[in-house]
Every structure is written in C-alpha cells, then in structure tokens.
PDB file of N, CA and C in Angstrom:
ATOM      1  N   MET A   1      -4.448   5.117  -8.503  1.00  0.00           N
ATOM      2  CA  MET A   1      -4.755   3.702  -8.519  1.00  0.00           C
ATOM      3  C   MET A   1      -3.966   2.836  -9.042  1.00  0.00           C
ATOM      4  N   LEU A   2      -3.046   3.446 -10.032  1.00  0.00           N
ATOM      5  CA  LEU A   2      -2.061   2.583 -10.794  1.00  0.00           C
ATOM      6  C   LEU A   2      -0.900   2.285  -9.761  1.00  0.00           C
ATOM      7  N   ALA A   3      -0.634   3.333  -9.030  1.00  0.00           N
ATOM      8  CA  ALA A   3       0.467   3.062  -7.988  1.00  0.00           C
ATOM      9  C   ALA A   3       0.218   1.880  -6.749  1.00  0.00           C
ATOM     10  N   ILE A   4      -1.290   1.998  -6.498  1.00  0.00           N
ATOM     11  CA  ILE A   4      -1.635   1.030  -5.493  1.00  0.00           C
ATOM     12  C   ILE A   4      -1.681  -0.319  -5.912  1.00  0.00           C
ATOM     13  N   LEU A   5      -1.679  -0.791  -7.766  1.00  0.00           N
ATOM     14  CA  LEU A   5      -1.430  -1.857  -8.094  1.00  0.00           C
ATOM     15  C   LEU A   5      -0.102  -2.398  -8.091  1.00  0.00           C
ATOM     16  N   ARG A   6       0.653  -1.490  -8.441  1.00  0.00           N
ATOM     17  CA  ARG A   6       2.303  -1.740  -8.504  1.00  0.00           C
ATOM     18  C   ARG A   6       2.781  -1.959  -7.096  1.00  0.00           C
ATOM     19  N   GLU A   7       2.219  -1.519  -6.220  1.00  0.00           N
ATOM     20  CA  GLU A   7       2.544  -1.576  -4.868  1.00  0.00           C
ATOM     21  C   GLU A   7       2.168  -3.003  -4.303  1.00  0.00           C
ATOM     22  N   LEU A   8       1.008  -3.327  -4.755  1.00  0.00           N
ATOM     23  CA  LEU A   8       0.407  -4.773  -4.568  1.00  0.00           C
ATOM     24  C   LEU A   8       0.998  -5.883  -5.033  1.00  0.00           C
ATOM     25  N   TRP A   9       1.576  -5.456  -6.513  1.00  0.00           N
ATOM     26  CA  TRP A   9       2.169  -6.643  -7.400  1.00  0.00           C
ATOM     27  C   TRP A   9       3.595  -6.741  -6.620  1.00  0.00           C
ATOM     28  N   ALA A  10       4.243  -5.655  -6.149  1.00  0.00           N
ATOM     29  CA  ALA A  10       5.838  -5.599  -5.609  1.00  0.00           C
ATOM     30  C   ALA A  10       5.609  -6.405  -4.336  1.00  0.00           C
ATOM     31  N   PHE A  11       4.563  -6.209  -3.787  1.00  0.00           N
ATOM     32  CA  PHE A  11       4.590  -6.893  -2.138  1.00  0.00           C
ATOM     33  C   PHE A  11       4.338  -8.465  -2.593  1.00  0.00           C
ATOM     34  N   MET A  12       3.553  -8.797  -3.618  1.00  0.00           N
ATOM     35  CA  MET A  12       3.129 -10.231  -3.935  1.00  0.00           C
ATOM     36  C   MET A  12       4.304 -11.228  -4.213  1.00  0.00           C
ATOM     37  N   ARG A  13       5.209 -10.153  -5.223  1.00  0.00           N
ATOM     38  CA  ARG A  13       6.680 -10.852  -5.757  1.00  0.00           C
ATOM     39  C   ARG A  13       7.686 -10.853  -4.624  1.00  0.00           C
ATOM     40  N   GLU A  14       7.760  -9.853  -3.919  1.00  0.00           N
ATOM     41  CA  GLU A  14       8.639  -9.900  -2.921  1.00  0.00           C
ATOM     42  C   GLU A  14       8.437 -11.109  -1.610  1.00  0.00           C
ATOM     43  N   ARG A  15       7.307 -11.454  -1.099  1.00  0.00           N
ATOM     44  CA  ARG A  15       6.711 -11.981  -0.263  1.00  0.00           C
ATOM     45  C   ARG A  15       6.715 -13.606  -0.951  1.00  0.00           C
ATOM     46  N   LYS A  16       6.576 -13.595  -2.111  1.00  0.00           N
ATOM     47  CA  LYS A  16       6.352 -14.903  -2.688  1.00  0.00           C
ATOM     48  C   LYS A  16       4.943 -15.143  -2.387  1.00  0.00           C
ATOM     49  N   LYS A  17       3.992 -14.362  -2.461  1.00  0.00           N
ATOM     50  CA  LYS A  17       2.553 -14.546  -2.419  1.00  0.00           C
ATOM     51  C   LYS A  17       1.651 -14.392  -3.426  1.00  0.00           C
ATOM     52  N   LEU A  18       2.283 -15.035  -4.699  1.00  0.00           N
ATOM     53  CA  LEU A  18       1.631 -14.879  -5.956  1.00  0.00           C
ATOM     54  C   LEU A  18       0.493 -15.807  -6.018  1.00  0.00           C
ATOM     55  N   TRP A  19       0.180 -16.630  -4.813  1.00  0.00           N
ATOM     56  CA  TRP A  19      -0.913 -17.635  -4.970  1.00  0.00           C
ATOM     57  C   TRP A  19      -2.104 -16.529  -4.543  1.00  0.00           C
ATOM     58  N   LEU A  20      -2.087 -15.229  -4.227  1.00  0.00           N
ATOM     59  CA  LEU A  20      -3.111 -14.301  -3.776  1.00  0.00           C
ATOM     60  C   LEU A  20      -3.594 -13.808  -5.248  1.00  0.00           C
ATOM     61  N   PHE A  21      -2.725 -13.701  -6.380  1.00  0.00           N
ATOM     62  CA  PHE A  21      -3.184 -13.114  -7.605  1.00  0.00           C
ATOM     63  C   PHE A  21      -4.666 -13.617  -7.881  1.00  0.00           C
ATOM     64  N   PRO A  22      -4.709 -14.869  -8.272  1.00  0.00           N
ATOM     65  CA  PRO A  22      -5.883 -15.472  -8.670  1.00  0.00           C
ATOM     66  C   PRO A  22      -7.114 -15.425  -7.896  1.00  0.00           C
ATOM     67  N   LEU A  23      -6.875 -15.143  -6.537  1.00  0.00           N
ATOM     68  CA  LEU A  23      -8.126 -14.739  -5.553  1.00  0.00           C
ATOM     69  C   LEU A  23      -8.497 -13.355  -6.008  1.00  0.00           C
ATOM     70  N   LEU A  24      -7.465 -12.635  -6.004  1.00  0.00           N
ATOM     71  CA  LEU A  24      -7.899 -10.923  -6.058  1.00  0.00           C
ATOM     72  C   LEU A  24      -8.522 -11.077  -7.395  1.00  0.00           C
ATOM     73  N   VAL A  25      -8.285 -11.704  -8.377  1.00  0.00           N
ATOM     74  CA  VAL A  25      -9.016 -11.343  -9.723  1.00  0.00           C
ATOM     75  C   VAL A  25     -10.195 -11.961  -9.803  1.00  0.00           C
ATOM     76  N   VAL A  26     -10.565 -13.151  -9.045  1.00  0.00           N
ATOM     77  CA  VAL A  26     -11.798 -13.755  -8.791  1.00  0.00           C
ATOM     78  C   VAL A  26     -12.730 -12.767  -7.963  1.00  0.00           C
ATOM     79  N   LEU A  27     -12.465 -12.112  -6.679  1.00  0.00           N
ATOM     80  CA  LEU A  27     -13.050 -11.213  -6.151  1.00  0.00           C
ATOM     81  C   LEU A  27     -13.464  -9.865  -6.944  1.00  0.00           C
ATOM     82  N   VAL A  28     -12.456  -9.367  -7.911  1.00  0.00           N
ATOM     83  CA  VAL A  28     -12.605  -8.278  -8.579  1.00  0.00           C
ATOM     84  C   VAL A  28     -13.827  -8.543  -9.606  1.00  0.00           C
ATOM     85  N   LEU A  29     -13.603  -9.755 -10.432  1.00  0.00           N
ATOM     86  CA  LEU A  29     -14.656 -10.021 -11.373  1.00  0.00           C
ATOM     87  C   LEU A  29     -16.079 -10.501 -10.885  1.00  0.00           C
ATOM     88  N   SER A  30     -16.150 -10.813  -9.557  1.00  0.00           N
ATOM     89  CA  SER A  30     -17.414 -10.989  -8.952  1.00  0.00           C
ATOM     90  C   SER A  30     -17.823  -9.650  -8.635  1.00  0.00           C
ATOM     91  N   GLY A  31     -17.038  -8.761  -8.164  1.00  0.00           N
ATOM     92  CA  GLY A  31     -17.497  -7.519  -7.813  1.00  0.00           C
ATOM     93  C   GLY A  31     -18.162  -6.634  -8.798  1.00  0.00           C
ATOM     94  N   GLY A  32     -17.345  -6.764  -9.713  1.00  0.00           N
ATOM     95  CA  GLY A  32     -17.904  -6.233 -11.264  1.00  0.00           C
ATOM     96  C   GLY A  32     -18.729  -6.869 -11.523  1.00  0.00           C
ATOM     97  N   LEU A  33     -19.291  -7.825 -11.771  1.00  0.00           N
ATOM     98  CA  LEU A  33     -20.558  -8.657 -12.350  1.00  0.00           C
ATOM     99  C   LEU A  33     -21.520  -8.349 -11.204  1.00  0.00           C
ATOM    100  N   LEU A  34     -21.453  -8.244 -10.205  1.00  0.00           N
ATOM    101  CA  LEU A  34     -22.330  -7.808  -9.382  1.00  0.00           C
ATOM    102  C   LEU A  34     -23.030  -6.381  -9.544  1.00  0.00           C
ATOM    103  N   VAL A  35     -22.052  -5.621  -9.925  1.00  0.00           N
ATOM    104  CA  VAL A  35     -22.230  -4.007 -10.196  1.00  0.00           C
ATOM    105  C   VAL A  35     -22.964  -4.033 -11.531  1.00  0.00           C
ATOM    106  N   ALA A  36     -22.363  -4.881 -12.550  1.00  0.00           N
ATOM    107  CA  ALA A  36     -23.123  -4.659 -13.814  1.00  0.00           C
ATOM    108  C   ALA A  36     -24.392  -5.304 -13.768  1.00  0.00           C
ATOM    109  N   VAL A  37     -24.723  -6.186 -12.818  1.00  0.00           N
ATOM    110  CA  VAL A  37     -26.081  -6.549 -12.924  1.00  0.00           C
ATOM    111  C   VAL A  37     -26.919  -6.107 -11.791  1.00  0.00           C
ATOM    112  N   GLN A  38     -26.292  -5.223 -11.048  1.00  0.00           N
ATOM    113  CA  GLN A  38     -27.351  -4.273 -10.035  1.00  0.00           C
ATOM    114  C   GLN A  38     -27.574  -5.046  -9.070  1.00  0.00           C
ATOM    115  N   GLY A  39     -26.889  -6.328  -8.883  1.00  0.00           N
ATOM    116  CA  GLY A  39     -27.203  -6.959  -7.528  1.00  0.00           C
ATOM    117  C   GLY A  39     -28.572  -7.767  -7.462  1.00  0.00           C
ATOM    118  N   SER A  40     -29.719  -7.189  -7.610  1.00  0.00           N
ATOM    119  CA  SER A  40     -30.933  -8.036  -7.276  1.00  0.00           C
ATOM    120  C   SER A  40     -31.262  -9.128  -8.080  1.00  0.00           C
ATOM    121  N   ALA A  41     -30.651  -9.376  -9.595  1.00  0.00           N
ATOM    122  CA  ALA A  41     -30.517 -10.585  -9.866  1.00  0.00           C
ATOM    123  C   ALA A  41     -29.963 -11.735  -9.705  1.00  0.00           C
ATOM    124  N   LEU A  42     -28.753 -11.666  -8.984  1.00  0.00           N
ATOM    125  CA  LEU A  42     -27.817 -12.432  -8.380  1.00  0.00           C
ATOM    126  C   LEU A  42     -28.094 -12.732  -6.909  1.00  0.00           C
ATOM    127  N   ALA A  43     -29.060 -12.061  -6.651  1.00  0.00           N
ATOM    128  CA  ALA A  43     -29.012 -12.394  -4.863  1.00  0.00           C
ATOM    129  C   ALA A  43     -29.577 -13.897  -4.657  1.00  0.00           C
ATOM    130  N   PRO A  44     -30.328 -14.316  -5.676  1.00  0.00           N
ATOM    131  CA  PRO A  44     -30.823 -15.854  -5.036  1.00  0.00           C
ATOM    132  C   PRO A  44     -29.220 -16.668  -4.989  1.00  0.00           C
ATOM    133  N   PHE A  45     -28.341 -16.494  -6.047  1.00  0.00           N
ATOM    134  CA  PHE A  45     -27.231 -17.286  -6.291  1.00  0.00           C
ATOM    135  C   PHE A  45     -26.218 -17.168  -5.378  1.00  0.00           C
ATOM    136  N   ILE A  46     -26.255 -15.633  -4.838  1.00  0.00           N
ATOM    137  CA  ILE A  46     -25.272 -15.458  -3.844  1.00  0.00           C
ATOM    138  C   ILE A  46     -25.670 -16.202  -2.245  1.00  0.00           C
ATOM    139  N   TYR A  47     -26.889 -16.108  -2.168  1.00  0.00           N
ATOM    140  CA  TYR A  47     -27.501 -16.895  -0.778  1.00  0.00           C
ATOM    141  C   TYR A  47     -27.005 -18.332  -0.912  1.00  0.00           C
ATOM    142  N   THR A  48     -27.187 -18.916  -2.197  1.00  0.00           N
ATOM    143  CA  THR A  48     -26.876 -20.236  -2.191  1.00  0.00           C
ATOM    144  C   THR A  48     -25.451 -20.994  -2.015  1.00  0.00           C
ATOM    145  N   ILE A  49     -24.610 -19.767  -2.360  1.00  0.00           N
ATOM    146  CA  ILE A  49     -23.083 -19.778  -2.152  1.00  0.00           C
ATOM    147  C   ILE A  49     -22.645 -19.683  -0.682  1.00  0.00           C
ATOM    148  N   PHE A  50     -23.190 -19.057   0.171  1.00  0.00           N
ATOM    149  CA  PHE A  50     -23.184 -18.439   1.371  1.00  0.00           C
ATOM    150  C   PHE A  50     -23.909 -19.263   2.283  1.00  0.00           C
TER     151      PHE A  50
END
C-alpha cells in the first residue's frame, strides 16, 4: 500500500498534476465517512448531491 502511495506521489510531482491531490483526499475522506456510518444514514444526503 505504501509503495502505491509513493508511486502516485511521484507521478503527480513529475507530471505536474498536484491539483489531483486535494481531489483524492476528498474522495478518500468521503469514502471513509461512508464506511464509518455504514451508508444508510447518509443515503438521503448522497441522493441530493447527485
């Protein structure tokens, strides 16, 4: 897992794609939040977003 993160960071730094980092952080945090609350409590809010 750590090797994947290092490779992703090297890719973003080399290709000047550092704008992807905040997007990835938001996606990981929202995924973690979904897992933490088991999805059912957040379902109405997710439907309003999409």
